[in-house]
Amino acid sequence: MRASYEAFAGVVAALDDEQSWLPTDCTGWAVRDLVFHVVTDAQRALVALHTPAGAAADRDAVTYWQDWGSDPVGAANGRRYCRVGGSMFLYFDQLKGLFLETVAAAADAAAATDPGLLVGTQGHVLSAGDLMTTLAVEATIHHLDMTARMPDAPPPAPRGLAAVRTTLDGLLGHPVPLGWDDTEYARAATGRRPLTDFERRTLGADAARFPLLS
């Protein structure tokens, strides 16, 4: 989680106001909308890591994503909230400052938390360690989204990309039978690019399950 957040923050820290309006691979979102979204994730982490759950875990780092797509209305409202929220900052430096402070605090809180502690988030209970992995996965995927039109931007953290691969293989149920590198796998399995005919043939029946998450 720290590695993923620090890699993401390294890109954000170098952006100016004009760059904050660049489009991303999250349809309808500019860079600043995506930065605002990751701020809300880090805030959610801070709350969860300081709120021990009084129930057994019902999700882990892989099954956490199984709810993706189950509430399209809620997802649409969430996208709209980030679009509006990200646009409300008069200057990007204001949002940048909030982002850098919040992700650093979330990473510090994670480092001080027992990974086995059960915590609640978004209506589910999972270990703090699994929560950290889900946050690393989301930050890494959104790092790729954010830098889609920034060819010179630093890439995501290798450990974050490895967590994405492990999560996607877990959702697929086995290692993907294609020679994708971590970035290609992340983009194809999250719907950022369509599958080629060759990839569909190789995946067989599993091709219909793509995207595995978004």
N, C-alpha and C. Protein backbone atom coordinates (compact mmCIF):
# COMPACT_ATOMS: atom_id res chain seq x y z
N MET A 1 0.84 -1.20 0.00
CA MET A 1 0.00 0.00 0.00
C MET A 1 0.87 1.25 0.00
N ARG A 2 1.89 1.27 0.87
CA ARG A 2 2.74 2.45 0.90
C ARG A 2 3.46 2.63 -0.44
N ALA A 3 3.99 1.55 -0.98
CA ALA A 3 4.70 1.66 -2.25
C ALA A 3 3.78 2.18 -3.36
N SER A 4 2.55 1.68 -3.39
CA SER A 4 1.60 2.11 -4.42
C SER A 4 1.22 3.57 -4.25
N TYR A 5 0.97 3.97 -2.99
CA TYR A 5 0.60 5.36 -2.74
C TYR A 5 1.77 6.31 -3.02
N GLU A 6 2.97 5.90 -2.66
CA GLU A 6 4.12 6.78 -2.89
C GLU A 6 4.39 6.94 -4.39
N ALA A 7 4.21 5.87 -5.16
CA ALA A 7 4.39 5.98 -6.61
C ALA A 7 3.33 6.91 -7.21
N PHE A 8 2.10 6.75 -6.77
CA PHE A 8 1.01 7.60 -7.25
C PHE A 8 1.29 9.06 -6.87
N ALA A 9 1.69 9.27 -5.61
CA ALA A 9 1.96 10.62 -5.12
C ALA A 9 3.11 11.28 -5.87
N GLY A 10 4.09 10.48 -6.29
CA GLY A 10 5.20 11.03 -7.04
C GLY A 10 4.76 11.66 -8.35
N VAL A 11 3.74 11.08 -8.98
CA VAL A 11 3.19 11.67 -10.21
C VAL A 11 2.37 12.91 -9.87
N VAL A 12 1.50 12.80 -8.89
CA VAL A 12 0.61 13.91 -8.54
C VAL A 12 1.41 15.15 -8.12
N ALA A 13 2.47 14.94 -7.36
CA ALA A 13 3.25 16.07 -6.84
C ALA A 13 3.84 16.93 -7.96
N ALA A 14 4.08 16.33 -9.12
CA ALA A 14 4.72 17.05 -10.23
C ALA A 14 3.71 17.70 -11.18
N LEU A 15 2.41 17.51 -10.95
CA LEU A 15 1.41 18.02 -11.88
C LEU A 15 1.06 19.47 -11.60
N ASP A 16 0.75 20.21 -12.68
CA ASP A 16 0.28 21.57 -12.52
C ASP A 16 -1.22 21.62 -12.81
N ASP A 17 -1.78 22.81 -12.71
CA ASP A 17 -3.23 22.94 -12.85
C ASP A 17 -3.70 22.49 -14.23
N GLU A 18 -2.96 22.86 -15.27
CA GLU A 18 -3.35 22.50 -16.62
C GLU A 18 -3.37 20.98 -16.78
N GLN A 19 -2.36 20.31 -16.28
CA GLN A 19 -2.28 18.85 -16.39
C GLN A 19 -3.40 18.17 -15.60
N SER A 20 -3.90 18.82 -14.58
CA SER A 20 -4.96 18.21 -13.78
C SER A 20 -6.26 18.03 -14.55
N TRP A 21 -6.37 18.67 -15.71
CA TRP A 21 -7.57 18.53 -16.53
C TRP A 21 -7.38 17.54 -17.67
N LEU A 22 -6.23 16.88 -17.73
CA LEU A 22 -6.03 15.86 -18.76
C LEU A 22 -7.03 14.72 -18.57
N PRO A 23 -7.49 14.11 -19.66
CA PRO A 23 -8.37 12.95 -19.53
C PRO A 23 -7.60 11.74 -19.02
N THR A 24 -8.32 10.82 -18.44
CA THR A 24 -7.74 9.58 -17.93
C THR A 24 -8.43 8.39 -18.59
N ASP A 25 -8.01 7.19 -18.22
CA ASP A 25 -8.67 6.00 -18.74
C ASP A 25 -9.91 5.62 -17.93
N CYS A 26 -10.28 6.44 -16.95
CA CYS A 26 -11.57 6.31 -16.28
C CYS A 26 -12.54 7.21 -17.03
N THR A 27 -13.44 6.61 -17.77
CA THR A 27 -14.31 7.36 -18.67
C THR A 27 -15.02 8.50 -17.94
N GLY A 28 -14.89 9.71 -18.49
CA GLY A 28 -15.56 10.87 -17.94
C GLY A 28 -14.79 11.60 -16.86
N TRP A 29 -13.67 11.04 -16.43
CA TRP A 29 -12.88 11.66 -15.37
C TRP A 29 -11.61 12.27 -15.89
N ALA A 30 -11.34 13.49 -15.42
CA ALA A 30 -10.03 14.11 -15.62
C ALA A 30 -9.10 13.65 -14.50
N VAL A 31 -7.83 14.03 -14.60
CA VAL A 31 -6.85 13.65 -13.59
C VAL A 31 -7.30 14.08 -12.20
N ARG A 32 -7.80 15.30 -12.07
CA ARG A 32 -8.18 15.78 -10.74
C ARG A 32 -9.34 14.97 -10.15
N ASP A 33 -10.23 14.48 -10.97
CA ASP A 33 -11.32 13.64 -10.46
C ASP A 33 -10.77 12.33 -9.90
N LEU A 34 -9.80 11.78 -10.61
CA LEU A 34 -9.19 10.53 -10.17
C LEU A 34 -8.39 10.74 -8.88
N VAL A 35 -7.70 11.87 -8.79
CA VAL A 35 -6.96 12.19 -7.56
C VAL A 35 -7.93 12.33 -6.39
N PHE A 36 -9.06 12.98 -6.62
CA PHE A 36 -10.06 13.12 -5.56
C PHE A 36 -10.58 11.76 -5.13
N HIS A 37 -10.79 10.87 -6.09
CA HIS A 37 -11.27 9.52 -5.79
C HIS A 37 -10.28 8.78 -4.89
N VAL A 38 -9.00 8.88 -5.19
CA VAL A 38 -8.00 8.19 -4.38
C VAL A 38 -7.90 8.83 -2.99
N VAL A 39 -8.14 10.14 -2.90
CA VAL A 39 -8.22 10.78 -1.58
C VAL A 39 -9.33 10.14 -0.75
N THR A 40 -10.48 9.91 -1.36
CA THR A 40 -11.58 9.30 -0.61
C THR A 40 -11.25 7.87 -0.20
N ASP A 41 -10.49 7.16 -1.03
CA ASP A 41 -10.04 5.81 -0.65
C ASP A 41 -9.13 5.87 0.56
N ALA A 42 -8.19 6.82 0.56
CA ALA A 42 -7.26 6.95 1.68
C ALA A 42 -8.00 7.37 2.95
N GLN A 43 -9.01 8.21 2.82
CA GLN A 43 -9.82 8.59 3.97
C GLN A 43 -10.57 7.37 4.51
N ARG A 44 -11.09 6.56 3.59
CA ARG A 44 -11.78 5.33 4.00
C ARG A 44 -10.82 4.40 4.74
N ALA A 45 -9.58 4.35 4.27
CA ALA A 45 -8.57 3.52 4.95
C ALA A 45 -8.33 4.01 6.37
N LEU A 46 -8.22 5.32 6.54
CA LEU A 46 -7.98 5.87 7.87
C LEU A 46 -9.11 5.53 8.82
N VAL A 47 -10.33 5.61 8.34
CA VAL A 47 -11.49 5.26 9.18
C VAL A 47 -11.47 3.77 9.51
N ALA A 48 -11.28 2.93 8.50
CA ALA A 48 -11.34 1.49 8.71
C ALA A 48 -10.23 1.01 9.65
N LEU A 49 -9.04 1.53 9.48
CA LEU A 49 -7.91 1.07 10.29
C LEU A 49 -8.02 1.49 11.75
N HIS A 50 -8.90 2.44 12.02
CA HIS A 50 -9.12 2.87 13.39
C HIS A 50 -10.50 2.43 13.91
N THR A 51 -11.12 1.49 13.20
CA THR A 51 -12.44 1.00 13.60
C THR A 51 -12.45 -0.52 13.56
N PRO A 52 -11.95 -1.18 14.61
CA PRO A 52 -11.97 -2.65 14.64
C PRO A 52 -13.39 -3.18 14.49
N ALA A 53 -13.54 -4.25 13.72
CA ALA A 53 -14.86 -4.83 13.48
C ALA A 53 -15.20 -5.82 14.60
N GLY A 54 -16.47 -5.91 14.90
CA GLY A 54 -16.92 -6.86 15.90
C GLY A 54 -17.55 -8.09 15.30
N ALA A 55 -17.07 -8.48 14.13
CA ALA A 55 -17.64 -9.63 13.43
C ALA A 55 -16.53 -10.36 12.69
N ALA A 56 -16.85 -11.56 12.21
CA ALA A 56 -15.88 -12.36 11.46
C ALA A 56 -15.71 -11.79 10.05
N ALA A 57 -14.56 -12.06 9.46
CA ALA A 57 -14.29 -11.60 8.09
C ALA A 57 -15.22 -12.30 7.11
N ASP A 58 -15.77 -11.54 6.19
CA ASP A 58 -16.59 -12.13 5.12
C ASP A 58 -16.00 -11.84 3.74
N ARG A 59 -14.84 -11.19 3.70
CA ARG A 59 -14.15 -10.93 2.44
C ARG A 59 -12.64 -11.01 2.67
N ASP A 60 -11.90 -11.29 1.60
CA ASP A 60 -10.45 -11.20 1.65
C ASP A 60 -10.01 -10.29 0.50
N ALA A 61 -8.71 -10.27 0.21
CA ALA A 61 -8.20 -9.33 -0.79
C ALA A 61 -8.69 -9.63 -2.20
N VAL A 62 -9.15 -10.84 -2.44
CA VAL A 62 -9.70 -11.19 -3.76
C VAL A 62 -11.21 -11.09 -3.76
N THR A 63 -11.87 -11.72 -2.79
CA THR A 63 -13.34 -11.73 -2.81
C THR A 63 -13.94 -10.35 -2.55
N TYR A 64 -13.14 -9.44 -2.00
CA TYR A 64 -13.60 -8.06 -1.83
C TYR A 64 -14.14 -7.50 -3.14
N TRP A 65 -13.53 -7.90 -4.27
CA TRP A 65 -13.89 -7.32 -5.57
C TRP A 65 -15.11 -7.99 -6.20
N GLN A 66 -15.62 -9.03 -5.58
CA GLN A 66 -16.75 -9.74 -6.18
C GLN A 66 -18.02 -8.90 -6.22
N ASP A 67 -18.08 -7.87 -5.41
CA ASP A 67 -19.27 -7.00 -5.42
C ASP A 67 -19.23 -6.00 -6.57
N TRP A 68 -18.09 -5.94 -7.28
CA TRP A 68 -18.00 -4.98 -8.37
C TRP A 68 -19.14 -5.20 -9.37
N GLY A 69 -19.80 -4.11 -9.72
CA GLY A 69 -20.88 -4.16 -10.70
C GLY A 69 -22.22 -4.55 -10.15
N SER A 70 -22.32 -4.84 -8.84
CA SER A 70 -23.60 -5.29 -8.28
C SER A 70 -24.55 -4.13 -8.01
N ASP A 71 -24.04 -2.91 -7.98
CA ASP A 71 -24.87 -1.74 -7.70
C ASP A 71 -24.56 -0.64 -8.71
N PRO A 72 -25.07 -0.76 -9.95
CA PRO A 72 -24.72 0.23 -10.98
C PRO A 72 -25.19 1.64 -10.65
N VAL A 73 -26.31 1.77 -9.95
CA VAL A 73 -26.79 3.11 -9.58
C VAL A 73 -25.84 3.75 -8.58
N GLY A 74 -25.45 2.97 -7.57
CA GLY A 74 -24.50 3.48 -6.59
C GLY A 74 -23.16 3.83 -7.22
N ALA A 75 -22.72 3.00 -8.17
CA ALA A 75 -21.45 3.27 -8.85
C ALA A 75 -21.53 4.55 -9.66
N ALA A 76 -22.66 4.76 -10.34
CA ALA A 76 -22.84 5.98 -11.12
C ALA A 76 -22.86 7.21 -10.22
N ASN A 77 -23.52 7.09 -9.08
CA ASN A 77 -23.53 8.21 -8.14
C ASN A 77 -22.14 8.50 -7.60
N GLY A 78 -21.36 7.43 -7.36
CA GLY A 78 -19.99 7.61 -6.90
C GLY A 78 -19.12 8.31 -7.93
N ARG A 79 -19.29 7.94 -9.19
CA ARG A 79 -18.54 8.60 -10.26
C ARG A 79 -18.90 10.08 -10.35
N ARG A 80 -20.19 10.36 -10.21
CA ARG A 80 -20.65 11.75 -10.27
C ARG A 80 -20.10 12.55 -9.09
N TYR A 81 -20.10 11.93 -7.91
CA TYR A 81 -19.60 12.60 -6.71
C TYR A 81 -18.14 13.00 -6.89
N CYS A 82 -17.32 12.10 -7.41
CA CYS A 82 -15.90 12.42 -7.61
C CYS A 82 -15.72 13.46 -8.71
N ARG A 83 -16.55 13.38 -9.73
CA ARG A 83 -16.46 14.37 -10.82
C ARG A 83 -16.75 15.77 -10.29
N VAL A 84 -17.78 15.89 -9.49
CA VAL A 84 -18.14 17.19 -8.93
C VAL A 84 -17.12 17.61 -7.87
N GLY A 85 -16.77 16.68 -6.98
CA GLY A 85 -15.84 16.99 -5.90
C GLY A 85 -14.48 17.44 -6.41
N GLY A 86 -13.96 16.75 -7.41
CA GLY A 86 -12.67 17.10 -7.96
C GLY A 86 -12.67 18.46 -8.64
N SER A 87 -13.83 18.86 -9.16
CA SER A 87 -13.93 20.13 -9.87
C SER A 87 -14.13 21.32 -8.95
N MET A 88 -14.43 21.05 -7.68
CA MET A 88 -14.75 22.13 -6.75
C MET A 88 -13.52 22.86 -6.23
N PHE A 89 -12.34 22.28 -6.40
CA PHE A 89 -11.13 22.94 -5.94
C PHE A 89 -10.75 24.04 -6.93
N LEU A 90 -10.64 25.26 -6.43
CA LEU A 90 -10.34 26.38 -7.31
C LEU A 90 -8.98 26.23 -7.95
N TYR A 91 -8.02 25.73 -7.18
CA TYR A 91 -6.67 25.49 -7.68
C TYR A 91 -6.29 24.04 -7.40
N PHE A 92 -5.63 23.42 -8.37
CA PHE A 92 -5.24 22.02 -8.19
C PHE A 92 -4.30 21.84 -7.01
N ASP A 93 -3.48 22.85 -6.72
CA ASP A 93 -2.57 22.74 -5.58
C ASP A 93 -3.31 22.47 -4.27
N GLN A 94 -4.53 22.95 -4.16
CA GLN A 94 -5.32 22.69 -2.95
C GLN A 94 -5.65 21.21 -2.85
N LEU A 95 -6.10 20.62 -3.94
CA LEU A 95 -6.41 19.20 -3.96
C LEU A 95 -5.13 18.38 -3.82
N LYS A 96 -4.08 18.82 -4.49
CA LYS A 96 -2.80 18.12 -4.39
C LYS A 96 -2.32 18.05 -2.94
N GLY A 97 -2.41 19.16 -2.23
CA GLY A 97 -1.98 19.18 -0.83
C GLY A 97 -2.79 18.22 0.02
N LEU A 98 -4.11 18.23 -0.18
CA LEU A 98 -4.97 17.31 0.56
C LEU A 98 -4.61 15.87 0.25
N PHE A 99 -4.38 15.59 -1.02
CA PHE A 99 -4.04 14.23 -1.43
C PHE A 99 -2.74 13.77 -0.78
N LEU A 100 -1.69 14.56 -0.90
CA LEU A 100 -0.38 14.16 -0.39
C LEU A 100 -0.41 13.93 1.11
N GLU A 101 -1.11 14.79 1.85
CA GLU A 101 -1.22 14.63 3.30
C GLU A 101 -2.00 13.37 3.66
N THR A 102 -3.10 13.14 2.94
CA THR A 102 -4.00 12.05 3.30
C THR A 102 -3.40 10.69 2.99
N VAL A 103 -2.77 10.53 1.82
CA VAL A 103 -2.21 9.21 1.50
C VAL A 103 -1.02 8.90 2.39
N ALA A 104 -0.25 9.93 2.76
CA ALA A 104 0.87 9.70 3.67
C ALA A 104 0.37 9.26 5.04
N ALA A 105 -0.70 9.89 5.52
CA ALA A 105 -1.28 9.52 6.81
C ALA A 105 -1.85 8.11 6.77
N ALA A 106 -2.50 7.75 5.66
CA ALA A 106 -3.07 6.41 5.53
C ALA A 106 -1.97 5.36 5.52
N ALA A 107 -0.88 5.63 4.82
CA ALA A 107 0.24 4.68 4.78
C ALA A 107 0.86 4.52 6.16
N ASP A 108 1.00 5.62 6.90
CA ASP A 108 1.55 5.53 8.26
C ASP A 108 0.62 4.74 9.17
N ALA A 109 -0.69 4.98 9.04
CA ALA A 109 -1.65 4.24 9.85
C ALA A 109 -1.61 2.76 9.54
N ALA A 110 -1.46 2.42 8.27
CA ALA A 110 -1.37 1.02 7.87
C ALA A 110 -0.14 0.35 8.47
N ALA A 111 0.98 1.08 8.45
CA ALA A 111 2.22 0.51 8.97
C ALA A 111 2.14 0.24 10.47
N ALA A 112 1.30 0.99 11.15
CA ALA A 112 1.17 0.85 12.61
C ALA A 112 0.07 -0.13 13.01
N THR A 113 -0.58 -0.75 12.03
CA THR A 113 -1.72 -1.63 12.31
C THR A 113 -1.34 -3.10 12.14
N ASP A 114 -1.80 -3.93 13.04
CA ASP A 114 -1.62 -5.37 12.92
C ASP A 114 -2.36 -5.85 11.68
N PRO A 115 -1.67 -6.46 10.72
CA PRO A 115 -2.35 -6.92 9.49
C PRO A 115 -3.48 -7.90 9.76
N GLY A 116 -3.46 -8.57 10.91
CA GLY A 116 -4.51 -9.53 11.22
C GLY A 116 -5.75 -8.92 11.85
N LEU A 117 -5.69 -7.63 12.20
CA LEU A 117 -6.84 -6.96 12.80
C LEU A 117 -8.01 -6.98 11.84
N LEU A 118 -9.20 -7.34 12.32
CA LEU A 118 -10.38 -7.33 11.46
C LEU A 118 -11.01 -5.95 11.49
N VAL A 119 -11.26 -5.41 10.30
CA VAL A 119 -11.80 -4.06 10.17
C VAL A 119 -12.99 -4.08 9.22
N GLY A 120 -13.81 -3.07 9.34
CA GLY A 120 -14.99 -2.96 8.48
C GLY A 120 -14.83 -1.86 7.46
N THR A 121 -15.29 -2.13 6.25
CA THR A 121 -15.32 -1.11 5.20
C THR A 121 -16.36 -1.47 4.17
N GLN A 122 -17.13 -0.50 3.75
CA GLN A 122 -18.12 -0.68 2.68
C GLN A 122 -19.05 -1.87 2.93
N GLY A 123 -19.44 -2.03 4.19
CA GLY A 123 -20.41 -3.07 4.52
C GLY A 123 -19.83 -4.46 4.68
N HIS A 124 -18.51 -4.60 4.66
CA HIS A 124 -17.88 -5.91 4.79
C HIS A 124 -16.78 -5.87 5.84
N VAL A 125 -16.36 -7.06 6.26
CA VAL A 125 -15.28 -7.19 7.23
C VAL A 125 -14.15 -7.98 6.59
N LEU A 126 -12.94 -7.48 6.74
CA LEU A 126 -11.76 -8.18 6.23
C LEU A 126 -10.56 -7.81 7.10
N SER A 127 -9.49 -8.53 6.96
CA SER A 127 -8.31 -8.21 7.75
C SER A 127 -7.71 -6.90 7.27
N ALA A 128 -7.00 -6.23 8.16
CA ALA A 128 -6.34 -4.99 7.77
C ALA A 128 -5.35 -5.24 6.65
N GLY A 129 -4.66 -6.38 6.69
CA GLY A 129 -3.72 -6.70 5.64
C GLY A 129 -4.39 -6.84 4.29
N ASP A 130 -5.55 -7.49 4.26
CA ASP A 130 -6.29 -7.62 3.01
C ASP A 130 -6.81 -6.27 2.54
N LEU A 131 -7.27 -5.44 3.49
CA LEU A 131 -7.71 -4.10 3.13
C LEU A 131 -6.57 -3.33 2.47
N MET A 132 -5.37 -3.41 3.04
CA MET A 132 -4.22 -2.71 2.48
C MET A 132 -3.94 -3.19 1.06
N THR A 133 -4.09 -4.49 0.82
CA THR A 133 -3.86 -5.01 -0.52
C THR A 133 -4.88 -4.46 -1.51
N THR A 134 -6.16 -4.39 -1.10
CA THR A 134 -7.18 -3.85 -2.01
C THR A 134 -6.89 -2.39 -2.35
N LEU A 135 -6.41 -1.64 -1.37
CA LEU A 135 -6.09 -0.23 -1.62
C LEU A 135 -4.88 -0.10 -2.54
N ALA A 136 -3.89 -0.98 -2.38
CA ALA A 136 -2.74 -0.98 -3.28
C ALA A 136 -3.16 -1.30 -4.70
N VAL A 137 -4.05 -2.27 -4.84
CA VAL A 137 -4.54 -2.66 -6.17
C VAL A 137 -5.27 -1.49 -6.82
N GLU A 138 -6.16 -0.86 -6.08
CA GLU A 138 -6.92 0.26 -6.67
C GLU A 138 -6.01 1.42 -7.04
N ALA A 139 -5.07 1.76 -6.15
CA ALA A 139 -4.16 2.87 -6.45
C ALA A 139 -3.30 2.56 -7.67
N THR A 140 -2.89 1.32 -7.81
CA THR A 140 -2.04 0.93 -8.94
C THR A 140 -2.80 1.00 -10.25
N ILE A 141 -4.01 0.48 -10.26
CA ILE A 141 -4.83 0.55 -11.48
C ILE A 141 -5.10 2.00 -11.85
N HIS A 142 -5.41 2.82 -10.85
CA HIS A 142 -5.69 4.23 -11.14
C HIS A 142 -4.43 5.00 -11.50
N HIS A 143 -3.27 4.54 -11.06
CA HIS A 143 -2.00 5.14 -11.51
C HIS A 143 -1.89 4.96 -13.03
N LEU A 144 -2.20 3.77 -13.51
CA LEU A 144 -2.18 3.53 -14.95
C LEU A 144 -3.21 4.40 -15.66
N ASP A 145 -4.40 4.53 -15.06
CA ASP A 145 -5.44 5.39 -15.64
C ASP A 145 -4.96 6.84 -15.75
N MET A 146 -4.38 7.32 -14.66
CA MET A 146 -3.98 8.73 -14.58
C MET A 146 -2.90 9.08 -15.59
N THR A 147 -1.98 8.16 -15.82
CA THR A 147 -0.83 8.46 -16.67
C THR A 147 -1.02 8.01 -18.11
N ALA A 148 -2.24 7.68 -18.49
CA ALA A 148 -2.49 7.18 -19.84
C ALA A 148 -2.08 8.19 -20.91
N ARG A 149 -2.17 9.49 -20.61
CA ARG A 149 -1.77 10.53 -21.56
C ARG A 149 -0.50 11.25 -21.09
N MET A 150 0.27 10.57 -20.26
CA MET A 150 1.53 11.13 -19.74
C MET A 150 2.66 10.15 -20.02
N PRO A 151 3.16 10.12 -21.24
CA PRO A 151 4.15 9.09 -21.62
C PRO A 151 5.44 9.14 -20.81
N ASP A 152 5.75 10.28 -20.22
CA ASP A 152 7.00 10.39 -19.46
C ASP A 152 6.81 10.21 -17.96
N ALA A 153 5.60 9.92 -17.53
CA ALA A 153 5.34 9.78 -16.09
C ALA A 153 5.93 8.49 -15.55
N PRO A 154 6.38 8.49 -14.30
CA PRO A 154 6.89 7.26 -13.69
C PRO A 154 5.80 6.19 -13.62
N PRO A 155 6.16 4.93 -13.74
CA PRO A 155 5.18 3.84 -13.71
C PRO A 155 4.74 3.54 -12.28
N PRO A 156 3.72 2.70 -12.13
CA PRO A 156 3.31 2.26 -10.78
C PRO A 156 4.41 1.45 -10.11
N ALA A 157 4.28 1.29 -8.81
CA ALA A 157 5.24 0.50 -8.05
C ALA A 157 5.17 -0.96 -8.48
N PRO A 158 6.31 -1.63 -8.69
CA PRO A 158 6.30 -3.05 -9.06
C PRO A 158 5.52 -3.90 -8.07
N ARG A 159 5.63 -3.60 -6.78
CA ARG A 159 4.89 -4.38 -5.78
C ARG A 159 3.38 -4.18 -5.94
N GLY A 160 2.98 -2.99 -6.34
CA GLY A 160 1.56 -2.75 -6.59
C GLY A 160 1.08 -3.54 -7.79
N LEU A 161 1.87 -3.55 -8.87
CA LEU A 161 1.51 -4.31 -10.05
C LEU A 161 1.46 -5.80 -9.75
N ALA A 162 2.36 -6.28 -8.91
CA ALA A 162 2.34 -7.69 -8.52
C ALA A 162 1.07 -8.02 -7.75
N ALA A 163 0.62 -7.09 -6.89
CA ALA A 163 -0.62 -7.30 -6.15
C ALA A 163 -1.81 -7.33 -7.09
N VAL A 164 -1.78 -6.50 -8.13
CA VAL A 164 -2.85 -6.52 -9.12
C VAL A 164 -2.90 -7.87 -9.81
N ARG A 165 -1.75 -8.38 -10.24
CA ARG A 165 -1.72 -9.69 -10.92
C ARG A 165 -2.26 -10.80 -10.01
N THR A 166 -1.83 -10.81 -8.76
CA THR A 166 -2.29 -11.83 -7.82
C THR A 166 -3.80 -11.76 -7.65
N THR A 167 -4.32 -10.54 -7.55
CA THR A 167 -5.77 -10.35 -7.39
C THR A 167 -6.52 -10.82 -8.62
N LEU A 168 -6.05 -10.44 -9.79
CA LEU A 168 -6.73 -10.83 -11.02
C LEU A 168 -6.69 -12.33 -11.23
N ASP A 169 -5.54 -12.96 -10.96
CA ASP A 169 -5.47 -14.42 -11.04
C ASP A 169 -6.43 -15.07 -10.05
N GLY A 170 -6.56 -14.46 -8.88
CA GLY A 170 -7.50 -14.98 -7.89
C GLY A 170 -8.93 -14.90 -8.37
N LEU A 171 -9.28 -13.79 -9.00
CA LEU A 171 -10.64 -13.65 -9.54
C LEU A 171 -10.87 -14.60 -10.71
N LEU A 172 -9.83 -14.81 -11.51
CA LEU A 172 -9.95 -15.72 -12.65
C LEU A 172 -10.00 -17.17 -12.20
N GLY A 173 -9.34 -17.45 -11.07
CA GLY A 173 -9.31 -18.81 -10.54
C GLY A 173 -8.06 -19.57 -10.90
N HIS A 174 -7.17 -18.96 -11.67
CA HIS A 174 -5.91 -19.60 -12.08
C HIS A 174 -5.07 -18.54 -12.77
N PRO A 175 -3.76 -18.78 -12.92
CA PRO A 175 -2.92 -17.81 -13.64
C PRO A 175 -3.42 -17.61 -15.06
N VAL A 176 -3.39 -16.37 -15.52
CA VAL A 176 -3.89 -16.09 -16.86
C VAL A 176 -2.99 -16.79 -17.89
N PRO A 177 -3.57 -17.46 -18.89
CA PRO A 177 -2.77 -18.25 -19.85
C PRO A 177 -2.27 -17.42 -21.03
N LEU A 178 -1.81 -16.22 -20.75
CA LEU A 178 -1.29 -15.35 -21.79
C LEU A 178 0.01 -14.73 -21.29
N GLY A 179 0.86 -14.31 -22.20
CA GLY A 179 2.16 -13.77 -21.83
C GLY A 179 2.14 -12.28 -21.53
N TRP A 180 1.05 -11.81 -20.95
CA TRP A 180 0.95 -10.39 -20.62
C TRP A 180 1.94 -10.01 -19.52
N ASP A 181 2.54 -8.83 -19.63
CA ASP A 181 3.25 -8.32 -18.48
C ASP A 181 2.21 -7.74 -17.51
N ASP A 182 2.66 -7.30 -16.36
CA ASP A 182 1.70 -6.87 -15.33
C ASP A 182 0.82 -5.72 -15.81
N THR A 183 1.40 -4.78 -16.54
CA THR A 183 0.62 -3.62 -17.01
C THR A 183 -0.40 -4.04 -18.05
N GLU A 184 0.00 -4.88 -18.99
CA GLU A 184 -0.95 -5.35 -20.02
C GLU A 184 -2.10 -6.11 -19.37
N TYR A 185 -1.77 -6.94 -18.41
CA TYR A 185 -2.79 -7.73 -17.72
C TYR A 185 -3.77 -6.79 -17.00
N ALA A 186 -3.23 -5.81 -16.30
CA ALA A 186 -4.08 -4.88 -15.57
C ALA A 186 -5.02 -4.14 -16.51
N ARG A 187 -4.52 -3.69 -17.63
CA ARG A 187 -5.36 -2.92 -18.56
C ARG A 187 -6.42 -3.80 -19.22
N ALA A 188 -6.02 -4.99 -19.65
CA ALA A 188 -6.97 -5.86 -20.34
C ALA A 188 -8.03 -6.41 -19.39
N ALA A 189 -7.62 -6.76 -18.18
CA ALA A 189 -8.55 -7.41 -17.24
C ALA A 189 -9.45 -6.43 -16.51
N THR A 190 -9.20 -5.12 -16.69
CA THR A 190 -10.08 -4.12 -16.08
C THR A 190 -10.86 -3.33 -17.12
N GLY A 191 -10.84 -3.81 -18.36
CA GLY A 191 -11.64 -3.19 -19.41
C GLY A 191 -11.06 -1.92 -19.97
N ARG A 192 -9.78 -1.64 -19.67
CA ARG A 192 -9.18 -0.42 -20.21
C ARG A 192 -8.86 -0.56 -21.69
N ARG A 193 -8.76 -1.77 -22.16
CA ARG A 193 -8.62 -2.01 -23.60
C ARG A 193 -9.35 -3.30 -23.93
N PRO A 194 -9.85 -3.41 -25.17
CA PRO A 194 -10.57 -4.63 -25.56
C PRO A 194 -9.60 -5.78 -25.78
N LEU A 195 -10.11 -6.98 -25.62
CA LEU A 195 -9.34 -8.18 -25.93
C LEU A 195 -9.23 -8.37 -27.43
N THR A 196 -8.08 -8.84 -27.88
CA THR A 196 -7.94 -9.18 -29.30
C THR A 196 -8.58 -10.55 -29.56
N ASP A 197 -8.77 -10.87 -30.83
CA ASP A 197 -9.33 -12.17 -31.17
C ASP A 197 -8.43 -13.30 -30.66
N PHE A 198 -7.12 -13.12 -30.80
CA PHE A 198 -6.19 -14.14 -30.31
C PHE A 198 -6.34 -14.33 -28.80
N GLU A 199 -6.43 -13.23 -28.08
CA GLU A 199 -6.57 -13.32 -26.62
C GLU A 199 -7.88 -14.01 -26.24
N ARG A 200 -8.92 -13.72 -26.94
CA ARG A 200 -10.20 -14.38 -26.65
C ARG A 200 -10.13 -15.88 -26.90
N ARG A 201 -9.49 -16.26 -27.99
CA ARG A 201 -9.35 -17.69 -28.28
C ARG A 201 -8.52 -18.37 -27.19
N THR A 202 -7.46 -17.72 -26.76
CA THR A 202 -6.58 -18.31 -25.75
C THR A 202 -7.29 -18.43 -24.41
N LEU A 203 -8.08 -17.42 -24.06
CA LEU A 203 -8.81 -17.44 -22.79
C LEU A 203 -9.97 -18.42 -22.81
N GLY A 204 -10.49 -18.69 -23.99
CA GLY A 204 -11.62 -19.62 -24.10
C GLY A 204 -12.85 -19.08 -23.39
N ALA A 205 -13.50 -19.93 -22.62
CA ALA A 205 -14.74 -19.54 -21.93
C ALA A 205 -14.50 -18.40 -20.95
N ASP A 206 -13.28 -18.28 -20.43
CA ASP A 206 -12.99 -17.21 -19.47
C ASP A 206 -13.07 -15.83 -20.10
N ALA A 207 -12.99 -15.72 -21.42
CA ALA A 207 -13.04 -14.42 -22.06
C ALA A 207 -14.35 -13.69 -21.76
N ALA A 208 -15.41 -14.45 -21.60
CA ALA A 208 -16.72 -13.85 -21.32
C ALA A 208 -16.77 -13.22 -19.94
N ARG A 209 -15.81 -13.55 -19.08
CA ARG A 209 -15.78 -13.01 -17.72
C ARG A 209 -15.03 -11.69 -17.64
N PHE A 210 -14.40 -11.30 -18.73
CA PHE A 210 -13.66 -10.04 -18.74
C PHE A 210 -14.59 -8.88 -19.03
N PRO A 211 -14.40 -7.72 -18.37
CA PRO A 211 -13.36 -7.42 -17.38
C PRO A 211 -13.63 -8.10 -16.04
N LEU A 212 -12.55 -8.47 -15.37
CA LEU A 212 -12.68 -9.14 -14.08
C LEU A 212 -13.03 -8.16 -12.97
N LEU A 213 -12.56 -6.92 -13.11
CA LEU A 213 -12.95 -5.83 -12.22
C LEU A 213 -12.68 -4.54 -12.96
N SER A 214 -13.19 -3.43 -12.41
CA SER A 214 -13.02 -2.14 -13.09
C SER A 214 -12.84 -1.06 -12.05
